[in-house]
Amino acid sequence: MQKRKLGNSNLEVSAIGLGCMGMSFSYGPPKDKQEMISLLRSAVERGITFFDTAEVYGPFINEELVGEALSPLREHVVIATKFGFKLDPNGGAKWVGVDSRPAHIKQVAEASLKRLKIDAIDLFYQHRVDPDVPIEDVAGTVKDLIHEGKVKHFGLSEAGAQTIRRAHAVQPVTAVQSEYSLWTRNPEVEVLPTIEELGIGFVPYSPLGRGFLTGKINENTKFDSSDFRNNLPRFTPEARKTNQALVDLLGKIAERKKATPAQIALAWLLAQKPWIVPIPGTTKLHRLDENIGAAAIELTAGDLSEIESVSSKIKVQGARYPENLEKMTGR
């Protein structure tokens, strides 16, 4: 597996990482723990070194899973986790807002270190910007945690360009994580130019459009009742039918390259910038192998130009989140 550096930092990771959320959260019921431990360890054997989790995935059980699976392989892996959600004090698997107050960030860091069974968090992201806490206070708190040796790198998730600049002035930001793929290209407008200027890496989550860009989902696909895609405007049957045009484009290129649509979607992201590291999630070994294979696919200038030309004429239907979640992005 090739390696990439996240921006100007010294944080080197595999060119493709692994998003772990779906093993425990959001995409139907939690998967079998032993099977997921085996999958995580298989990923390391295959050269993946970059793993993404968060306290809110579960909550807590995803970090515990990642900790149990990867603590014996600590020297081979980079683990990213996140803070910034306020969890329901009555328990239950839900969050009730955002909370990036300094005291809360420190509490989350201590709890995540225990669950992950590590001495320092490699990359600690603010999961969503908290409008009630100045980003300078957030960056300053993470800076303190870095000085204490509990955190190595600072990241932001779904932050807007001005927030990134303000945070970076206090504590250099190593990576920004936001949704980015052929059907979600908003980061190209302001965020990617800003982080290129500042020397920050970029980590696209949902690089396969929450499974849609693999070509395995169509307008008739039924999701488990606990699958959060049931609530996403972009996943209504009508939207899926319209958005199929993007999958058809990927399929056409894939056929030519003797690859799969998913591999072309990931190869397209890798071709955008050398400091972009996508983190597709999966719970299946054959999909893990498929995703890893994307790193070896070379898209020519002609391929990229064709993808750009055709995709620019396709209007993606449906917002990526319901309104209450959409307004938490790009702050």
C-alpha atoms as a PDB file:
ATOM      1  CA  MET A   1       0.000   0.000   0.000  1.00  0.00           C
ATOM      2  CA  GLN A   2       1.360   3.413  -0.939  1.00  0.00           C
ATOM      3  CA  LYS A   3       1.696   6.014   1.808  1.00  0.00           C
ATOM      4  CA  ARG A   4       0.640   9.653   1.849  1.00  0.00           C
ATOM      5  CA  LYS A   5       1.421  12.565   4.153  1.00  0.00           C
ATOM      6  CA  LEU A   6      -1.437  14.634   5.504  1.00  0.00           C
ATOM      7  CA  GLY A   7      -0.441  18.111   4.373  1.00  0.00           C
ATOM      8  CA  ASN A   8       2.795  19.575   5.709  1.00  0.00           C
ATOM      9  CA  SER A   9       2.636  17.499   8.872  1.00  0.00           C
ATOM     10  CA  ASN A  10       4.849  14.487   9.461  1.00  0.00           C
ATOM     11  CA  LEU A  11       1.773  12.265   9.762  1.00  0.00           C
ATOM     12  CA  GLU A  12       2.205   9.533   7.154  1.00  0.00           C
ATOM     13  CA  VAL A  13      -0.646   7.089   6.574  1.00  0.00           C
ATOM     14  CA  SER A  14      -1.748   4.511   4.029  1.00  0.00           C
ATOM     15  CA  ALA A  15      -3.173   6.121   0.865  1.00  0.00           C
ATOM     16  CA  ILE A  16      -6.545   4.604   1.757  1.00  0.00           C
ATOM     17  CA  GLY A  17      -7.732   4.399   5.360  1.00  0.00           C
ATOM     18  CA  LEU A  18     -10.617   2.543   6.975  1.00  0.00           C
ATOM     19  CA  GLY A  19     -13.697   4.236   8.392  1.00  0.00           C
ATOM     20  CA  CYS A  20     -14.920   2.082  11.283  1.00  0.00           C
ATOM     21  CA  MET A  21     -18.299   3.691  12.090  1.00  0.00           C
ATOM     22  CA  GLY A  22     -20.462   1.218  10.170  1.00  0.00           C
ATOM     23  CA  MET A  23     -19.132  -1.707  12.179  1.00  0.00           C
ATOM     24  CA  SER A  24     -21.089  -0.470  15.206  1.00  0.00           C
ATOM     25  CA  PHE A  25     -23.420   2.334  14.185  1.00  0.00           C
ATOM     26  CA  SER A  26     -25.707   3.915  11.573  1.00  0.00           C
ATOM     27  CA  TYR A  27     -25.765   1.193   8.911  1.00  0.00           C
ATOM     28  CA  GLY A  28     -28.111  -1.293  10.563  1.00  0.00           C
ATOM     29  CA  PRO A  29     -27.438  -3.259  13.780  1.00  0.00           C
ATOM     30  CA  PRO A  30     -23.863  -3.517  15.155  1.00  0.00           C
ATOM     31  CA  LYS A  31     -21.915  -6.281  13.446  1.00  0.00           C
ATOM     32  CA  ASP A  32     -20.421  -9.306  15.208  1.00  0.00           C
ATOM     33  CA  LYS A  33     -17.554  -8.074  17.376  1.00  0.00           C
ATOM     34  CA  GLN A  34     -15.156 -10.957  16.740  1.00  0.00           C
ATOM     35  CA  GLU A  35     -15.721 -10.723  12.980  1.00  0.00           C
ATOM     36  CA  MET A  36     -14.976  -6.999  13.070  1.00  0.00           C
ATOM     37  CA  ILE A  37     -11.819  -7.517  15.171  1.00  0.00           C
ATOM     38  CA  SER A  38     -10.668 -10.017  12.552  1.00  0.00           C
ATOM     39  CA  LEU A  39     -11.485  -7.540   9.751  1.00  0.00           C
ATOM     40  CA  LEU A  40      -9.555  -4.706  11.431  1.00  0.00           C
ATOM     41  CA  ARG A  41      -6.500  -6.897  11.908  1.00  0.00           C
ATOM     42  CA  SER A  42      -6.763  -8.125   8.297  1.00  0.00           C
ATOM     43  CA  ALA A  43      -6.724  -4.476   7.189  1.00  0.00           C
ATOM     44  CA  VAL A  44      -3.398  -3.950   8.994  1.00  0.00           C
ATOM     45  CA  GLU A  45      -1.984  -7.118   7.385  1.00  0.00           C
ATOM     46  CA  ARG A  46      -2.943  -5.685   3.988  1.00  0.00           C
ATOM     47  CA  GLY A  47      -1.143  -2.397   4.601  1.00  0.00           C
ATOM     48  CA  ILE A  48      -3.872  -0.102   5.930  1.00  0.00           C
ATOM     49  CA  THR A  49      -2.444   2.033   8.726  1.00  0.00           C
ATOM     50  CA  PHE A  50      -5.131   4.729   9.155  1.00  0.00           C
ATOM     51  CA  PHE A  51      -8.293   3.997  11.173  1.00  0.00           C
ATOM     52  CA  ASP A  52     -11.155   6.394  11.912  1.00  0.00           C
ATOM     53  CA  THR A  53     -13.562   6.218  14.846  1.00  0.00           C
ATOM     54  CA  ALA A  54     -15.395   8.549  17.278  1.00  0.00           C
ATOM     55  CA  GLU A  55     -16.868   8.402  20.781  1.00  0.00           C
ATOM     56  CA  VAL A  56     -20.344   9.061  19.376  1.00  0.00           C
ATOM     57  CA  TYR A  57     -20.266   5.914  17.177  1.00  0.00           C
ATOM     58  CA  GLY A  58     -22.343   3.627  19.313  1.00  0.00           C
ATOM     59  CA  PRO A  59     -21.810   5.659  21.457  1.00  0.00           C
ATOM     60  CA  PHE A  60     -18.503   4.288  22.764  1.00  0.00           C
ATOM     61  CA  ILE A  61     -18.679   0.740  21.383  1.00  0.00           C
ATOM     62  CA  ASN A  62     -16.835   1.580  18.171  1.00  0.00           C
ATOM     63  CA  GLU A  63     -13.851   3.014  20.043  1.00  0.00           C
ATOM     64  CA  GLU A  64     -13.863  -0.068  22.303  1.00  0.00           C
ATOM     65  CA  LEU A  65     -13.876  -2.326  19.242  1.00  0.00           C
ATOM     66  CA  VAL A  66     -11.016  -0.430  17.583  1.00  0.00           C
ATOM     67  CA  GLY A  67      -9.061  -0.453  20.847  1.00  0.00           C
ATOM     68  CA  GLU A  68      -9.429  -4.181  21.353  1.00  0.00           C
ATOM     69  CA  ALA A  69      -8.569  -4.991  17.737  1.00  0.00           C
ATOM     70  CA  LEU A  70      -5.652  -2.638  17.231  1.00  0.00           C
ATOM     71  CA  SER A  71      -3.934  -2.205  20.601  1.00  0.00           C
ATOM     72  CA  PRO A  72      -1.731  -5.285  19.949  1.00  0.00           C
ATOM     73  CA  LEU A  73      -0.695  -3.646  16.635  1.00  0.00           C
ATOM     74  CA  ARG A  74      -0.211  -0.157  18.053  1.00  0.00           C
ATOM     75  CA  GLU A  75       3.145   0.546  16.408  1.00  0.00           C
ATOM     76  CA  HIS A  76       1.675  -0.132  12.944  1.00  0.00           C
ATOM     77  CA  VAL A  77      -1.406   2.091  13.098  1.00  0.00           C
ATOM     78  CA  VAL A  78      -2.598   5.697  13.215  1.00  0.00           C
ATOM     79  CA  ILE A  79      -5.905   6.085  15.062  1.00  0.00           C
ATOM     80  CA  ALA A  80      -8.166   9.105  14.607  1.00  0.00           C
ATOM     81  CA  THR A  81     -11.086   9.808  16.914  1.00  0.00           C
ATOM     82  CA  LYS A  82     -13.359  12.791  17.572  1.00  0.00           C
ATOM     83  CA  PHE A  83     -14.887  15.009  20.232  1.00  0.00           C
ATOM     84  CA  GLY A  84     -17.599  17.641  20.216  1.00  0.00           C
ATOM     85  CA  PHE A  85     -21.008  16.014  20.556  1.00  0.00           C
ATOM     86  CA  LYS A  86     -23.121  16.222  23.693  1.00  0.00           C
ATOM     87  CA  LEU A  87     -24.442  12.767  24.508  1.00  0.00           C
ATOM     88  CA  ASP A  88     -27.830  12.103  26.067  1.00  0.00           C
ATOM     89  CA  PRO A  89     -27.222  12.127  29.851  1.00  0.00           C
ATOM     90  CA  ASN A  90     -29.959   9.496  30.236  1.00  0.00           C
ATOM     91  CA  GLY A  91     -27.998   7.078  28.081  1.00  0.00           C
ATOM     92  CA  GLY A  92     -29.348   5.656  24.882  1.00  0.00           C
ATOM     93  CA  ALA A  93     -27.636   5.752  21.532  1.00  0.00           C
ATOM     94  CA  LYS A  94     -28.150   9.369  20.709  1.00  0.00           C
ATOM     95  CA  TRP A  95     -26.542  12.773  20.944  1.00  0.00           C
ATOM     96  CA  VAL A  96     -28.426  15.894  21.953  1.00  0.00           C
ATOM     97  CA  GLY A  97     -26.307  18.703  20.564  1.00  0.00           C
ATOM     98  CA  VAL A  98     -22.707  19.850  20.339  1.00  0.00           C
ATOM     99  CA  ASP A  99     -20.280  20.576  23.178  1.00  0.00           C
ATOM    100  CA  SER A 100     -16.723  21.746  22.602  1.00  0.00           C
ATOM    101  CA  ARG A 101     -16.199  23.463  25.936  1.00  0.00           C
ATOM    102  CA  PRO A 102     -12.551  22.969  26.982  1.00  0.00           C
ATOM    103  CA  ALA A 103     -13.420  20.882  30.072  1.00  0.00           C
ATOM    104  CA  HIS A 104     -15.572  18.579  27.945  1.00  0.00           C
ATOM    105  CA  ILE A 105     -12.846  18.135  25.296  1.00  0.00           C
ATOM    106  CA  LYS A 106     -10.427  17.045  28.054  1.00  0.00           C
ATOM    107  CA  GLN A 107     -12.958  14.589  29.494  1.00  0.00           C
ATOM    108  CA  VAL A 108     -13.558  13.053  26.062  1.00  0.00           C
ATOM    109  CA  ALA A 109      -9.813  12.729  25.431  1.00  0.00           C
ATOM    110  CA  GLU A 110      -9.281  10.845  28.723  1.00  0.00           C
ATOM    111  CA  ALA A 111     -12.217   8.510  28.078  1.00  0.00           C
ATOM    112  CA  SER A 112     -11.186   7.845  24.463  1.00  0.00           C
ATOM    113  CA  LEU A 113      -7.613   7.018  25.503  1.00  0.00           C
ATOM    114  CA  LYS A 114      -8.962   4.341  27.865  1.00  0.00           C
ATOM    115  CA  ARG A 115     -11.369   2.840  25.344  1.00  0.00           C
ATOM    116  CA  LEU A 116      -8.765   2.833  22.580  1.00  0.00           C
ATOM    117  CA  LYS A 117      -6.131   1.382  24.974  1.00  0.00           C
ATOM    118  CA  ILE A 118      -3.519   3.904  23.826  1.00  0.00           C
ATOM    119  CA  ASP A 119      -1.275   6.510  25.475  1.00  0.00           C
ATOM    120  CA  ALA A 120      -1.880   9.234  22.863  1.00  0.00           C
ATOM    121  CA  ILE A 121      -4.560   9.928  20.268  1.00  0.00           C
ATOM    122  CA  ASP A 122      -2.819  10.220  16.892  1.00  0.00           C
ATOM    123  CA  LEU A 123      -5.391  12.587  15.366  1.00  0.00           C
ATOM    124  CA  PHE A 124      -8.128  14.272  17.425  1.00  0.00           C
ATOM    125  CA  TYR A 125     -10.870  15.915  15.358  1.00  0.00           C
ATOM    126  CA  GLN A 126     -13.541  18.340  16.451  1.00  0.00           C
ATOM    127  CA  HIS A 127     -16.508  16.357  15.084  1.00  0.00           C
ATOM    128  CA  ARG A 128     -18.694  19.393  14.393  1.00  0.00           C
ATOM    129  CA  VAL A 129     -18.065  23.084  15.022  1.00  0.00           C
ATOM    130  CA  ASP A 130     -19.706  24.373  18.209  1.00  0.00           C
ATOM    131  CA  PRO A 131     -21.140  27.873  17.526  1.00  0.00           C
ATOM    132  CA  ASP A 132     -21.118  28.632  21.269  1.00  0.00           C
ATOM    133  CA  VAL A 133     -17.390  28.044  21.804  1.00  0.00           C
ATOM    134  CA  PRO A 134     -14.803  30.179  19.961  1.00  0.00           C
ATOM    135  CA  ILE A 135     -12.695  27.935  17.743  1.00  0.00           C
ATOM    136  CA  GLU A 136      -9.596  29.566  19.262  1.00  0.00           C
ATOM    137  CA  ASP A 137     -10.580  28.048  22.633  1.00  0.00           C
ATOM    138  CA  VAL A 138     -11.042  24.643  21.019  1.00  0.00           C
ATOM    139  CA  ALA A 139      -7.667  24.823  19.250  1.00  0.00           C
ATOM    140  CA  GLY A 140      -6.004  26.053  22.439  1.00  0.00           C
ATOM    141  CA  THR A 141      -7.408  23.119  24.421  1.00  0.00           C
ATOM    142  CA  VAL A 142      -6.136  20.598  21.887  1.00  0.00           C
ATOM    143  CA  LYS A 143      -2.793  22.422  21.911  1.00  0.00           C
ATOM    144  CA  ASP A 144      -2.651  21.836  25.686  1.00  0.00           C
ATOM    145  CA  LEU A 145      -3.448  18.142  25.172  1.00  0.00           C
ATOM    146  CA  ILE A 146      -0.639  17.937  22.599  1.00  0.00           C
ATOM    147  CA  HIS A 147       1.789  19.526  25.083  1.00  0.00           C
ATOM    148  CA  GLU A 148       0.671  16.995  27.687  1.00  0.00           C
ATOM    149  CA  GLY A 149       1.436  14.158  25.248  1.00  0.00           C
ATOM    150  CA  LYS A 150      -2.171  12.929  25.145  1.00  0.00           C
ATOM    151  CA  VAL A 151      -2.806  13.984  21.532  1.00  0.00           C
ATOM    152  CA  LYS A 152      -0.405  14.120  18.585  1.00  0.00           C
ATOM    153  CA  HIS A 153      -2.354  15.969  15.871  1.00  0.00           C
ATOM    154  CA  PHE A 154      -5.380  18.283  15.660  1.00  0.00           C
ATOM    155  CA  GLY A 155      -8.142  17.914  13.090  1.00  0.00           C
ATOM    156  CA  LEU A 156     -11.472  19.503  12.171  1.00  0.00           C
ATOM    157  CA  SER A 157     -14.506  17.808  10.641  1.00  0.00           C
ATOM    158  CA  GLU A 158     -16.995  19.598   8.349  1.00  0.00           C
ATOM    159  CA  ALA A 159     -15.606  23.029   9.277  1.00  0.00           C
ATOM    160  CA  GLY A 160     -15.853  26.091   7.036  1.00  0.00           C
ATOM    161  CA  ALA A 161     -12.819  27.855   5.537  1.00  0.00           C
ATOM    162  CA  GLN A 162     -12.753  30.772   8.002  1.00  0.00           C
ATOM    163  CA  THR A 163     -13.013  28.450  11.001  1.00  0.00           C
ATOM    164  CA  ILE A 164     -10.115  26.400   9.639  1.00  0.00           C
ATOM    165  CA  ARG A 165      -7.975  29.539   9.297  1.00  0.00           C
ATOM    166  CA  ARG A 166      -8.763  30.728  12.826  1.00  0.00           C
ATOM    167  CA  ALA A 167      -8.056  27.317  14.366  1.00  0.00           C
ATOM    168  CA  HIS A 168      -4.842  26.852  12.388  1.00  0.00           C
ATOM    169  CA  ALA A 169      -3.501  30.184  13.679  1.00  0.00           C
ATOM    170  CA  VAL A 170      -3.675  28.855  17.263  1.00  0.00           C
ATOM    171  CA  GLN A 171      -2.702  25.199  16.747  1.00  0.00           C
ATOM    172  CA  PRO A 172      -1.681  23.894  13.319  1.00  0.00           C
ATOM    173  CA  VAL A 173      -4.414  21.702  11.872  1.00  0.00           C
ATOM    174  CA  THR A 174      -3.064  18.446  10.427  1.00  0.00           C
ATOM    175  CA  ALA A 175      -6.216  17.286   8.648  1.00  0.00           C
ATOM    176  CA  VAL A 176      -9.733  18.342   7.769  1.00  0.00           C
ATOM    177  CA  GLN A 177     -12.319  15.587   7.366  1.00  0.00           C
ATOM    178  CA  SER A 178     -15.475  16.234   5.359  1.00  0.00           C
ATOM    179  CA  GLU A 179     -17.738  14.321   3.057  1.00  0.00           C
ATOM    180  CA  TYR A 180     -16.267  14.373  -0.437  1.00  0.00           C
ATOM    181  CA  SER A 181     -16.938  12.199  -3.452  1.00  0.00           C
ATOM    182  CA  LEU A 182     -18.174  12.472  -7.008  1.00  0.00           C
ATOM    183  CA  TRP A 183     -21.655  13.244  -5.686  1.00  0.00           C
ATOM    184  CA  THR A 184     -20.609  15.624  -2.871  1.00  0.00           C
ATOM    185  CA  ARG A 185     -18.182  18.189  -4.205  1.00  0.00           C
ATOM    186  CA  ASN A 186     -18.835  21.241  -2.021  1.00  0.00           C
ATOM    187  CA  PRO A 187     -15.326  21.125  -0.408  1.00  0.00           C
ATOM    188  CA  GLU A 188     -13.875  22.121  -3.787  1.00  0.00           C
ATOM    189  CA  VAL A 189     -15.320  25.634  -3.535  1.00  0.00           C
ATOM    190  CA  GLU A 190     -13.555  26.998  -0.431  1.00  0.00           C
ATOM    191  CA  VAL A 191     -12.209  24.264   1.818  1.00  0.00           C
ATOM    192  CA  LEU A 192      -9.740  22.538  -0.530  1.00  0.00           C
ATOM    193  CA  PRO A 193      -8.136  25.810  -1.739  1.00  0.00           C
ATOM    194  CA  THR A 194      -7.822  26.981   1.877  1.00  0.00           C
ATOM    195  CA  ILE A 195      -6.181  23.835   3.180  1.00  0.00           C
ATOM    196  CA  GLU A 196      -3.878  23.618   0.175  1.00  0.00           C
ATOM    197  CA  GLU A 197      -2.667  27.131   0.983  1.00  0.00           C
ATOM    198  CA  LEU A 198      -2.210  26.246   4.674  1.00  0.00           C
ATOM    199  CA  GLY A 199      -0.588  22.858   4.112  1.00  0.00           C
ATOM    200  CA  ILE A 200      -3.361  20.777   5.716  1.00  0.00           C
ATOM    201  CA  GLY A 201      -4.316  17.245   4.635  1.00  0.00           C
ATOM    202  CA  PHE A 202      -7.834  16.221   3.626  1.00  0.00           C
ATOM    203  CA  VAL A 203      -9.696  13.072   4.655  1.00  0.00           C
ATOM    204  CA  PRO A 204     -12.887  12.408   2.651  1.00  0.00           C
ATOM    205  CA  TYR A 205     -15.472  10.382   4.552  1.00  0.00           C
ATOM    206  CA  SER A 206     -18.269   8.564   2.715  1.00  0.00           C
ATOM    207  CA  PRO A 207     -16.017   8.546  -0.389  1.00  0.00           C
ATOM    208  CA  LEU A 208     -18.338   5.924  -1.913  1.00  0.00           C
ATOM    209  CA  GLY A 209     -21.475   7.980  -1.299  1.00  0.00           C
ATOM    210  CA  ARG A 210     -22.582   5.809   1.657  1.00  0.00           C
ATOM    211  CA  GLY A 211     -22.463   2.800  -0.641  1.00  0.00           C
ATOM    212  CA  PHE A 212     -24.385   4.346  -3.519  1.00  0.00           C
ATOM    213  CA  LEU A 213     -21.363   4.821  -5.804  1.00  0.00           C
ATOM    214  CA  THR A 214     -20.504   1.117  -5.612  1.00  0.00           C
ATOM    215  CA  GLY A 215     -23.405   0.355  -7.953  1.00  0.00           C
ATOM    216  CA  LYS A 216     -24.879  -2.101  -5.435  1.00  0.00           C
ATOM    217  CA  ILE A 217     -27.818   0.151  -4.484  1.00  0.00           C
ATOM    218  CA  ASN A 218     -30.734   1.137  -6.726  1.00  0.00           C
ATOM    219  CA  GLU A 219     -34.163   2.717  -6.349  1.00  0.00           C
ATOM    220  CA  ASN A 220     -35.617  -0.607  -5.128  1.00  0.00           C
ATOM    221  CA  THR A 221     -33.023  -1.312  -2.419  1.00  0.00           C
ATOM    222  CA  LYS A 222     -34.543  -1.685   1.051  1.00  0.00           C
ATOM    223  CA  PHE A 223     -32.447  -0.747   4.101  1.00  0.00           C
ATOM    224  CA  ASP A 224     -32.718  -2.141   7.623  1.00  0.00           C
ATOM    225  CA  SER A 225     -35.069  -0.061   9.808  1.00  0.00           C
ATOM    226  CA  SER A 226     -32.085   1.087  11.919  1.00  0.00           C
ATOM    227  CA  ASP A 227     -30.103   2.248   8.849  1.00  0.00           C
ATOM    228  CA  PHE A 228     -29.793   6.039   8.864  1.00  0.00           C
ATOM    229  CA  ARG A 229     -29.888   6.209   5.062  1.00  0.00           C
ATOM    230  CA  ASN A 230     -33.675   5.868   5.445  1.00  0.00           C
ATOM    231  CA  ASN A 231     -33.640   9.474   6.716  1.00  0.00           C
ATOM    232  CA  LEU A 232     -31.401  11.027   4.057  1.00  0.00           C
ATOM    233  CA  PRO A 233     -33.050  13.067   1.275  1.00  0.00           C
ATOM    234  CA  ARG A 234     -30.489  11.758  -1.220  1.00  0.00           C
ATOM    235  CA  PHE A 235     -31.606   8.188  -0.552  1.00  0.00           C
ATOM    236  CA  THR A 236     -35.305   8.501  -1.373  1.00  0.00           C
ATOM    237  CA  PRO A 237     -36.212   6.085  -4.189  1.00  0.00           C
ATOM    238  CA  GLU A 238     -36.794   9.025  -6.586  1.00  0.00           C
ATOM    239  CA  ALA A 239     -33.393  10.545  -5.780  1.00  0.00           C
ATOM    240  CA  ARG A 240     -31.658   7.201  -6.194  1.00  0.00           C
ATOM    241  CA  LYS A 241     -33.280   6.737  -9.572  1.00  0.00           C
ATOM    242  CA  THR A 242     -32.054  10.158 -10.769  1.00  0.00           C
ATOM    243  CA  ASN A 243     -28.586   9.776  -9.237  1.00  0.00           C
ATOM    244  CA  GLN A 244     -28.032   6.445 -10.968  1.00  0.00           C
ATOM    245  CA  ALA A 245     -26.520   8.451 -13.858  1.00  0.00           C
ATOM    246  CA  LEU A 246     -23.354   8.957 -11.770  1.00  0.00           C
ATOM    247  CA  VAL A 247     -23.034   5.230 -11.120  1.00  0.00           C
ATOM    248  CA  ASP A 248     -23.477   4.575 -14.839  1.00  0.00           C
ATOM    249  CA  LEU A 249     -20.563   6.914 -15.547  1.00  0.00           C
ATOM    250  CA  LEU A 250     -18.341   5.127 -13.005  1.00  0.00           C
ATOM    251  CA  GLY A 251     -19.395   1.775 -14.446  1.00  0.00           C
ATOM    252  CA  LYS A 252     -18.393   2.820 -17.951  1.00  0.00           C
ATOM    253  CA  ILE A 253     -14.905   3.871 -16.848  1.00  0.00           C
ATOM    254  CA  ALA A 254     -14.611   0.780 -14.627  1.00  0.00           C
ATOM    255  CA  GLU A 255     -15.312  -1.539 -17.541  1.00  0.00           C
ATOM    256  CA  ARG A 256     -12.530   0.082 -19.528  1.00  0.00           C
ATOM    257  CA  LYS A 257     -10.094  -0.166 -16.617  1.00  0.00           C
ATOM    258  CA  LYS A 258     -11.122  -3.711 -15.639  1.00  0.00           C
ATOM    259  CA  ALA A 259     -12.079  -2.333 -12.248  1.00  0.00           C
ATOM    260  CA  THR A 260     -15.274  -1.763 -10.238  1.00  0.00           C
ATOM    261  CA  PRO A 261     -17.292   1.466  -9.905  1.00  0.00           C
ATOM    262  CA  ALA A 262     -16.167   1.739  -6.251  1.00  0.00           C
ATOM    263  CA  GLN A 263     -12.515   1.517  -7.276  1.00  0.00           C
ATOM    264  CA  ILE A 264     -12.951   4.265  -9.872  1.00  0.00           C
ATOM    265  CA  ALA A 265     -14.715   6.493  -7.300  1.00  0.00           C
ATOM    266  CA  LEU A 266     -11.773   6.078  -4.893  1.00  0.00           C
ATOM    267  CA  ALA A 267      -9.128   6.411  -7.616  1.00  0.00           C
ATOM    268  CA  TRP A 268     -10.780   9.678  -8.686  1.00  0.00           C
ATOM    269  CA  LEU A 269     -10.382  11.073  -5.159  1.00  0.00           C
ATOM    270  CA  LEU A 270      -6.747   9.946  -4.950  1.00  0.00           C
ATOM    271  CA  ALA A 271      -6.068  11.651  -8.277  1.00  0.00           C
ATOM    272  CA  GLN A 272      -7.355  15.034  -7.064  1.00  0.00           C
ATOM    273  CA  LYS A 273      -4.460  15.876  -4.693  1.00  0.00           C
ATOM    274  CA  PRO A 274      -1.507  13.947  -3.205  1.00  0.00           C
ATOM    275  CA  TRP A 275      -2.597  14.942   0.324  1.00  0.00           C
ATOM    276  CA  ILE A 276      -6.097  13.443   0.084  1.00  0.00           C
ATOM    277  CA  VAL A 277      -6.670  10.176   1.991  1.00  0.00           C
ATOM    278  CA  PRO A 278     -10.177   8.680   1.676  1.00  0.00           C
ATOM    279  CA  ILE A 279     -11.544   6.453   4.451  1.00  0.00           C
ATOM    280  CA  PRO A 280     -14.162   4.116   2.955  1.00  0.00           C
ATOM    281  CA  GLY A 281     -15.929   1.994   5.540  1.00  0.00           C
ATOM    282  CA  THR A 282     -16.805  -1.659   5.144  1.00  0.00           C
ATOM    283  CA  THR A 283     -17.717  -4.695   7.216  1.00  0.00           C
ATOM    284  CA  LYS A 284     -16.721  -7.256   4.562  1.00  0.00           C
ATOM    285  CA  LEU A 285     -13.260  -8.585   3.731  1.00  0.00           C
ATOM    286  CA  HIS A 286     -13.874  -8.771  -0.032  1.00  0.00           C
ATOM    287  CA  ARG A 287     -14.962  -5.111  -0.046  1.00  0.00           C
ATOM    288  CA  LEU A 288     -11.853  -4.192   1.954  1.00  0.00           C
ATOM    289  CA  ASP A 289      -9.728  -5.870  -0.729  1.00  0.00           C
ATOM    290  CA  GLU A 290     -11.707  -4.114  -3.464  1.00  0.00           C
ATOM    291  CA  ASN A 291     -11.151  -0.716  -1.825  1.00  0.00           C
ATOM    292  CA  ILE A 292      -7.432  -1.348  -1.339  1.00  0.00           C
ATOM    293  CA  GLY A 293      -7.186  -2.238  -5.040  1.00  0.00           C
ATOM    294  CA  ALA A 294      -8.254   1.309  -5.925  1.00  0.00           C
ATOM    295  CA  ALA A 295      -4.841   2.630  -4.868  1.00  0.00           C
ATOM    296  CA  ALA A 296      -3.225   0.792  -7.795  1.00  0.00           C
ATOM    297  CA  ILE A 297      -5.544   2.236 -10.458  1.00  0.00           C
ATOM    298  CA  GLU A 298      -4.083   5.017 -12.594  1.00  0.00           C
ATOM    299  CA  LEU A 299      -6.644   7.353 -14.102  1.00  0.00           C
ATOM    300  CA  THR A 300      -5.209   9.157 -17.115  1.00  0.00           C
ATOM    301  CA  ALA A 301      -5.755  12.840 -17.858  1.00  0.00           C
ATOM    302  CA  GLY A 302      -8.252  11.650 -20.457  1.00  0.00           C
ATOM    303  CA  ASP A 303     -10.155   9.538 -17.927  1.00  0.00           C
ATOM    304  CA  LEU A 304     -10.302  12.426 -15.448  1.00  0.00           C
ATOM    305  CA  SER A 305     -11.406  14.841 -18.136  1.00  0.00           C
ATOM    306  CA  GLU A 306     -14.199  12.473 -19.203  1.00  0.00           C
ATOM    307  CA  ILE A 307     -15.385  12.031 -15.607  1.00  0.00           C
ATOM    308  CA  GLU A 308     -15.378  15.815 -15.144  1.00  0.00           C
ATOM    309  CA  SER A 309     -17.176  16.504 -18.397  1.00  0.00           C
ATOM    310  CA  VAL A 310     -19.937  13.935 -17.912  1.00  0.00           C
ATOM    311  CA  SER A 311     -20.434  14.419 -14.141  1.00  0.00           C
ATOM    312  CA  SER A 312     -20.705  18.191 -14.511  1.00  0.00           C
ATOM    313  CA  LYS A 313     -23.895  17.654 -16.526  1.00  0.00           C
ATOM    314  CA  ILE A 314     -25.458  15.413 -13.849  1.00  0.00           C
ATOM    315  CA  LYS A 315     -27.457  17.264 -11.224  1.00  0.00           C
ATOM    316  CA  VAL A 316     -27.364  15.241  -8.019  1.00  0.00           C
ATOM    317  CA  GLN A 317     -30.817  15.070  -6.450  1.00  0.00           C
ATOM    318  CA  GLY A 318     -31.412  15.318  -2.699  1.00  0.00           C
ATOM    319  CA  ALA A 319     -29.550  16.992   0.167  1.00  0.00           C
ATOM    320  CA  ARG A 320     -26.937  14.827   1.842  1.00  0.00           C
ATOM    321  CA  TYR A 321     -28.458  15.355   5.314  1.00  0.00           C
ATOM    322  CA  PRO A 322     -31.837  16.378   6.740  1.00  0.00           C
ATOM    323  CA  GLU A 323     -31.957  20.103   7.485  1.00  0.00           C
ATOM    324  CA  ASN A 324     -31.066  19.857  11.205  1.00  0.00           C
ATOM    325  CA  LEU A 325     -27.830  17.989  10.377  1.00  0.00           C
ATOM    326  CA  GLU A 326     -27.035  19.965   7.234  1.00  0.00           C
ATOM    327  CA  LYS A 327     -26.906  23.211   9.199  1.00  0.00           C
ATOM    328  CA  MET A 328     -24.171  21.735  11.423  1.00  0.00           C
ATOM    329  CA  THR A 329     -21.761  21.548   8.470  1.00  0.00           C
ATOM    330  CA  GLY A 330     -19.623  24.270   6.950  1.00  0.00           C
ATOM    331  CA  ARG A 331     -19.680  26.505  10.024  1.00  0.00           C
END
